[in-house]
Amino acid sequence: MARWEHYLTGLSSTSLDLQVAQRALRDGCSAKEVTLMLVAGSETVRLIYDKQGRKEAIAFAQHIVTVASPHYTSSIVTKHHSHGLEIGD
């Protein structure tokens, strides 16, 4: 929870989970650490847990970590180029 508060400082209210995860990953936290941090600190994850259950909440946190990963966007670009796709196709 303290880690969540540390990475939350100074962020706007929109897409907090993603921004917090990006900051933590940039600082060298592992994907597992960031996922656990989101589970402990994210209001969104807590709401998902309350409404849909533990499995869905963890899946959401893992998804946020995947999207926040610096490798995520480069892998999408690589996939599009490997299929010969260009912007506008």
N, C-alpha and C. Protein backbone atom coordinates (compact mmCIF):
# COMPACT_ATOMS: atom_id res chain seq x y z
N MET A 1 0.82 -1.18 0.00
CA MET A 1 0.00 0.00 0.00
C MET A 1 0.87 1.26 0.00
N ALA A 2 1.96 1.23 0.73
CA ALA A 2 2.86 2.38 0.76
C ALA A 2 3.47 2.62 -0.62
N ARG A 3 3.78 1.53 -1.32
CA ARG A 3 4.34 1.65 -2.67
C ARG A 3 3.31 2.31 -3.59
N TRP A 4 2.04 1.92 -3.47
CA TRP A 4 0.96 2.52 -4.25
C TRP A 4 0.94 4.03 -4.00
N GLU A 5 0.95 4.43 -2.75
CA GLU A 5 0.91 5.86 -2.40
C GLU A 5 2.11 6.60 -2.99
N HIS A 6 3.28 5.97 -2.97
CA HIS A 6 4.49 6.58 -3.52
C HIS A 6 4.33 6.88 -5.01
N TYR A 7 3.86 5.91 -5.77
CA TYR A 7 3.73 6.08 -7.22
C TYR A 7 2.49 6.89 -7.61
N LEU A 8 1.54 7.03 -6.72
CA LEU A 8 0.32 7.78 -6.97
C LEU A 8 0.56 9.29 -6.91
N THR A 9 1.52 9.70 -6.15
CA THR A 9 1.77 11.13 -5.90
C THR A 9 1.93 11.92 -7.19
N GLY A 10 1.13 12.98 -7.32
CA GLY A 10 1.24 13.91 -8.44
C GLY A 10 0.54 13.50 -9.72
N LEU A 11 -0.22 12.43 -9.71
CA LEU A 11 -0.90 11.99 -10.94
C LEU A 11 -2.32 12.52 -11.00
N SER A 12 -2.82 12.69 -12.23
CA SER A 12 -4.20 13.11 -12.40
C SER A 12 -5.12 11.92 -12.12
N SER A 13 -6.40 12.18 -12.01
CA SER A 13 -7.33 11.11 -11.63
C SER A 13 -7.67 10.15 -12.78
N THR A 14 -7.38 10.54 -14.02
CA THR A 14 -7.70 9.65 -15.13
C THR A 14 -6.58 8.65 -15.34
N SER A 15 -6.93 7.42 -15.56
CA SER A 15 -6.01 6.30 -15.81
C SER A 15 -4.90 6.19 -14.77
N LEU A 16 -5.26 6.35 -13.52
CA LEU A 16 -4.26 6.25 -12.44
C LEU A 16 -3.55 4.91 -12.43
N ASP A 17 -4.31 3.84 -12.58
CA ASP A 17 -3.71 2.51 -12.51
C ASP A 17 -2.59 2.36 -13.54
N LEU A 18 -2.86 2.79 -14.76
CA LEU A 18 -1.87 2.68 -15.82
C LEU A 18 -0.65 3.56 -15.53
N GLN A 19 -0.89 4.78 -15.11
CA GLN A 19 0.22 5.69 -14.82
C GLN A 19 1.08 5.20 -13.66
N VAL A 20 0.44 4.70 -12.61
CA VAL A 20 1.17 4.16 -11.46
C VAL A 20 2.01 2.96 -11.90
N ALA A 21 1.42 2.08 -12.68
CA ALA A 21 2.14 0.89 -13.16
C ALA A 21 3.33 1.29 -14.02
N GLN A 22 3.14 2.27 -14.91
CA GLN A 22 4.24 2.73 -15.76
C GLN A 22 5.39 3.28 -14.92
N ARG A 23 5.07 4.09 -13.92
CA ARG A 23 6.11 4.65 -13.06
C ARG A 23 6.87 3.55 -12.33
N ALA A 24 6.15 2.61 -11.78
CA ALA A 24 6.78 1.53 -11.02
C ALA A 24 7.67 0.67 -11.91
N LEU A 25 7.19 0.35 -13.11
CA LEU A 25 7.99 -0.45 -14.04
C LEU A 25 9.25 0.30 -14.46
N ARG A 26 9.12 1.60 -14.72
CA ARG A 26 10.30 2.41 -15.06
C ARG A 26 11.33 2.42 -13.95
N ASP A 27 10.86 2.36 -12.71
CA ASP A 27 11.77 2.35 -11.57
C ASP A 27 12.38 0.98 -11.30
N GLY A 28 12.00 -0.01 -12.11
CA GLY A 28 12.62 -1.33 -11.98
C GLY A 28 11.83 -2.35 -11.20
N CYS A 29 10.60 -2.03 -10.81
CA CYS A 29 9.76 -3.03 -10.15
C CYS A 29 9.41 -4.12 -11.14
N SER A 30 9.31 -5.34 -10.66
CA SER A 30 8.94 -6.44 -11.54
C SER A 30 7.45 -6.40 -11.83
N ALA A 31 7.05 -7.10 -12.88
CA ALA A 31 5.63 -7.17 -13.25
C ALA A 31 4.81 -7.74 -12.09
N LYS A 32 5.35 -8.74 -11.42
CA LYS A 32 4.65 -9.35 -10.30
C LYS A 32 4.48 -8.35 -9.16
N GLU A 33 5.53 -7.59 -8.85
CA GLU A 33 5.43 -6.58 -7.80
C GLU A 33 4.39 -5.52 -8.13
N VAL A 34 4.36 -5.09 -9.38
CA VAL A 34 3.41 -4.07 -9.80
C VAL A 34 1.98 -4.62 -9.75
N THR A 35 1.80 -5.85 -10.18
CA THR A 35 0.48 -6.47 -10.11
C THR A 35 -0.01 -6.52 -8.67
N LEU A 36 0.84 -6.96 -7.76
CA LEU A 36 0.47 -7.03 -6.35
C LEU A 36 0.19 -5.64 -5.78
N MET A 37 0.96 -4.66 -6.21
CA MET A 37 0.75 -3.29 -5.76
C MET A 37 -0.62 -2.80 -6.22
N LEU A 38 -0.99 -3.08 -7.46
CA LEU A 38 -2.30 -2.68 -7.97
C LEU A 38 -3.42 -3.37 -7.20
N VAL A 39 -3.24 -4.64 -6.92
CA VAL A 39 -4.25 -5.38 -6.16
C VAL A 39 -4.42 -4.77 -4.77
N ALA A 40 -3.33 -4.34 -4.17
CA ALA A 40 -3.39 -3.77 -2.83
C ALA A 40 -3.91 -2.34 -2.81
N GLY A 41 -3.61 -1.55 -3.84
CA GLY A 41 -3.88 -0.13 -3.75
C GLY A 41 -4.90 0.46 -4.68
N SER A 42 -5.22 -0.22 -5.75
CA SER A 42 -6.10 0.36 -6.77
C SER A 42 -7.57 0.28 -6.38
N GLU A 43 -8.24 1.42 -6.41
CA GLU A 43 -9.68 1.45 -6.16
C GLU A 43 -10.43 0.68 -7.24
N THR A 44 -9.97 0.78 -8.48
CA THR A 44 -10.61 0.07 -9.58
C THR A 44 -10.53 -1.43 -9.38
N VAL A 45 -9.35 -1.91 -8.99
CA VAL A 45 -9.18 -3.35 -8.75
C VAL A 45 -10.09 -3.79 -7.60
N ARG A 46 -10.18 -2.97 -6.56
CA ARG A 46 -11.06 -3.31 -5.43
C ARG A 46 -12.53 -3.39 -5.87
N LEU A 47 -12.94 -2.46 -6.71
CA LEU A 47 -14.32 -2.50 -7.20
C LEU A 47 -14.58 -3.75 -8.04
N ILE A 48 -13.63 -4.10 -8.89
CA ILE A 48 -13.77 -5.32 -9.69
C ILE A 48 -13.84 -6.54 -8.78
N TYR A 49 -13.00 -6.55 -7.77
CA TYR A 49 -13.00 -7.66 -6.81
C TYR A 49 -14.37 -7.79 -6.14
N ASP A 50 -14.91 -6.65 -5.71
CA ASP A 50 -16.21 -6.66 -5.02
C ASP A 50 -17.35 -7.11 -5.93
N LYS A 51 -17.30 -6.70 -7.20
CA LYS A 51 -18.41 -6.99 -8.11
C LYS A 51 -18.25 -8.28 -8.90
N GLN A 52 -17.00 -8.63 -9.25
CA GLN A 52 -16.80 -9.76 -10.16
C GLN A 52 -15.96 -10.89 -9.57
N GLY A 53 -15.23 -10.59 -8.50
CA GLY A 53 -14.46 -11.64 -7.86
C GLY A 53 -12.95 -11.48 -8.01
N ARG A 54 -12.25 -12.32 -7.28
CA ARG A 54 -10.79 -12.27 -7.19
C ARG A 54 -10.10 -12.50 -8.53
N LYS A 55 -10.56 -13.52 -9.24
CA LYS A 55 -9.93 -13.89 -10.51
C LYS A 55 -9.95 -12.73 -11.51
N GLU A 56 -11.09 -12.07 -11.64
CA GLU A 56 -11.23 -10.96 -12.58
C GLU A 56 -10.40 -9.75 -12.14
N ALA A 57 -10.35 -9.52 -10.83
CA ALA A 57 -9.56 -8.39 -10.32
C ALA A 57 -8.08 -8.59 -10.61
N ILE A 58 -7.59 -9.79 -10.40
CA ILE A 58 -6.18 -10.08 -10.69
C ILE A 58 -5.92 -10.01 -12.19
N ALA A 59 -6.85 -10.50 -12.98
CA ALA A 59 -6.69 -10.43 -14.44
C ALA A 59 -6.62 -8.98 -14.91
N PHE A 60 -7.44 -8.11 -14.33
CA PHE A 60 -7.40 -6.69 -14.68
C PHE A 60 -6.05 -6.08 -14.32
N ALA A 61 -5.58 -6.36 -13.12
CA ALA A 61 -4.28 -5.83 -12.68
C ALA A 61 -3.16 -6.32 -13.60
N GLN A 62 -3.19 -7.59 -13.99
CA GLN A 62 -2.18 -8.13 -14.90
C GLN A 62 -2.28 -7.45 -16.27
N HIS A 63 -3.47 -7.18 -16.72
CA HIS A 63 -3.66 -6.50 -18.00
C HIS A 63 -3.06 -5.09 -17.95
N ILE A 64 -3.30 -4.38 -16.87
CA ILE A 64 -2.75 -3.03 -16.72
C ILE A 64 -1.22 -3.10 -16.77
N VAL A 65 -0.64 -4.07 -16.11
CA VAL A 65 0.83 -4.21 -16.13
C VAL A 65 1.32 -4.50 -17.54
N THR A 66 0.61 -5.34 -18.27
CA THR A 66 0.99 -5.65 -19.65
C THR A 66 0.95 -4.39 -20.52
N VAL A 67 -0.12 -3.63 -20.40
CA VAL A 67 -0.26 -2.40 -21.19
C VAL A 67 0.79 -1.37 -20.78
N ALA A 68 1.12 -1.32 -19.51
CA ALA A 68 2.09 -0.34 -19.00
C ALA A 68 3.53 -0.70 -19.36
N SER A 69 3.76 -1.95 -19.70
CA SER A 69 5.11 -2.40 -20.00
C SER A 69 5.67 -1.70 -21.23
N PRO A 70 6.92 -1.24 -21.15
CA PRO A 70 7.52 -0.57 -22.32
C PRO A 70 7.62 -1.50 -23.53
N HIS A 71 7.56 -2.79 -23.32
CA HIS A 71 7.67 -3.76 -24.42
C HIS A 71 6.32 -3.95 -25.13
N TYR A 72 5.25 -3.53 -24.49
CA TYR A 72 3.91 -3.76 -25.05
C TYR A 72 3.72 -3.05 -26.38
N THR A 73 4.01 -1.77 -26.45
CA THR A 73 3.78 -1.04 -27.69
C THR A 73 4.73 -1.48 -28.79
N SER A 74 5.96 -1.78 -28.44
CA SER A 74 6.89 -2.22 -29.48
C SER A 74 6.50 -3.58 -30.03
N SER A 75 5.90 -4.44 -29.21
CA SER A 75 5.48 -5.75 -29.72
C SER A 75 4.28 -5.60 -30.65
N ILE A 76 3.41 -4.64 -30.40
CA ILE A 76 2.27 -4.41 -31.29
C ILE A 76 2.77 -3.90 -32.64
N VAL A 77 3.69 -2.97 -32.64
CA VAL A 77 4.25 -2.44 -33.88
C VAL A 77 4.92 -3.55 -34.66
N THR A 78 5.68 -4.40 -33.96
CA THR A 78 6.36 -5.51 -34.62
C THR A 78 5.35 -6.46 -35.27
N LYS A 79 4.26 -6.76 -34.56
CA LYS A 79 3.25 -7.66 -35.12
C LYS A 79 2.63 -7.06 -36.38
N HIS A 80 2.32 -5.77 -36.34
CA HIS A 80 1.72 -5.15 -37.51
C HIS A 80 2.69 -5.16 -38.71
N HIS A 81 3.95 -4.87 -38.46
CA HIS A 81 4.90 -4.87 -39.55
C HIS A 81 5.15 -6.29 -40.08
N SER A 82 5.11 -7.27 -39.18
CA SER A 82 5.35 -8.63 -39.65
C SER A 82 4.22 -9.13 -40.55
N HIS A 83 3.04 -8.52 -40.42
CA HIS A 83 1.93 -8.89 -41.29
C HIS A 83 1.79 -7.96 -42.47
N GLY A 84 2.74 -7.05 -42.62
CA GLY A 84 2.72 -6.13 -43.75
C GLY A 84 1.66 -5.05 -43.64
N LEU A 85 1.19 -4.78 -42.44
CA LEU A 85 0.15 -3.78 -42.25
C LEU A 85 0.78 -2.42 -42.07
N GLU A 86 0.13 -1.44 -42.59
CA GLU A 86 0.57 -0.06 -42.43
C GLU A 86 -0.62 0.73 -41.87
N ILE A 87 -0.33 1.86 -41.28
CA ILE A 87 -1.39 2.74 -40.83
C ILE A 87 -2.22 3.12 -42.06
N GLY A 88 -3.54 3.02 -41.93
CA GLY A 88 -4.41 3.36 -43.04
C GLY A 88 -4.86 2.15 -43.84
N ASP A 89 -4.29 0.96 -43.56
CA ASP A 89 -4.72 -0.24 -44.29
C ASP A 89 -6.11 -0.63 -43.87
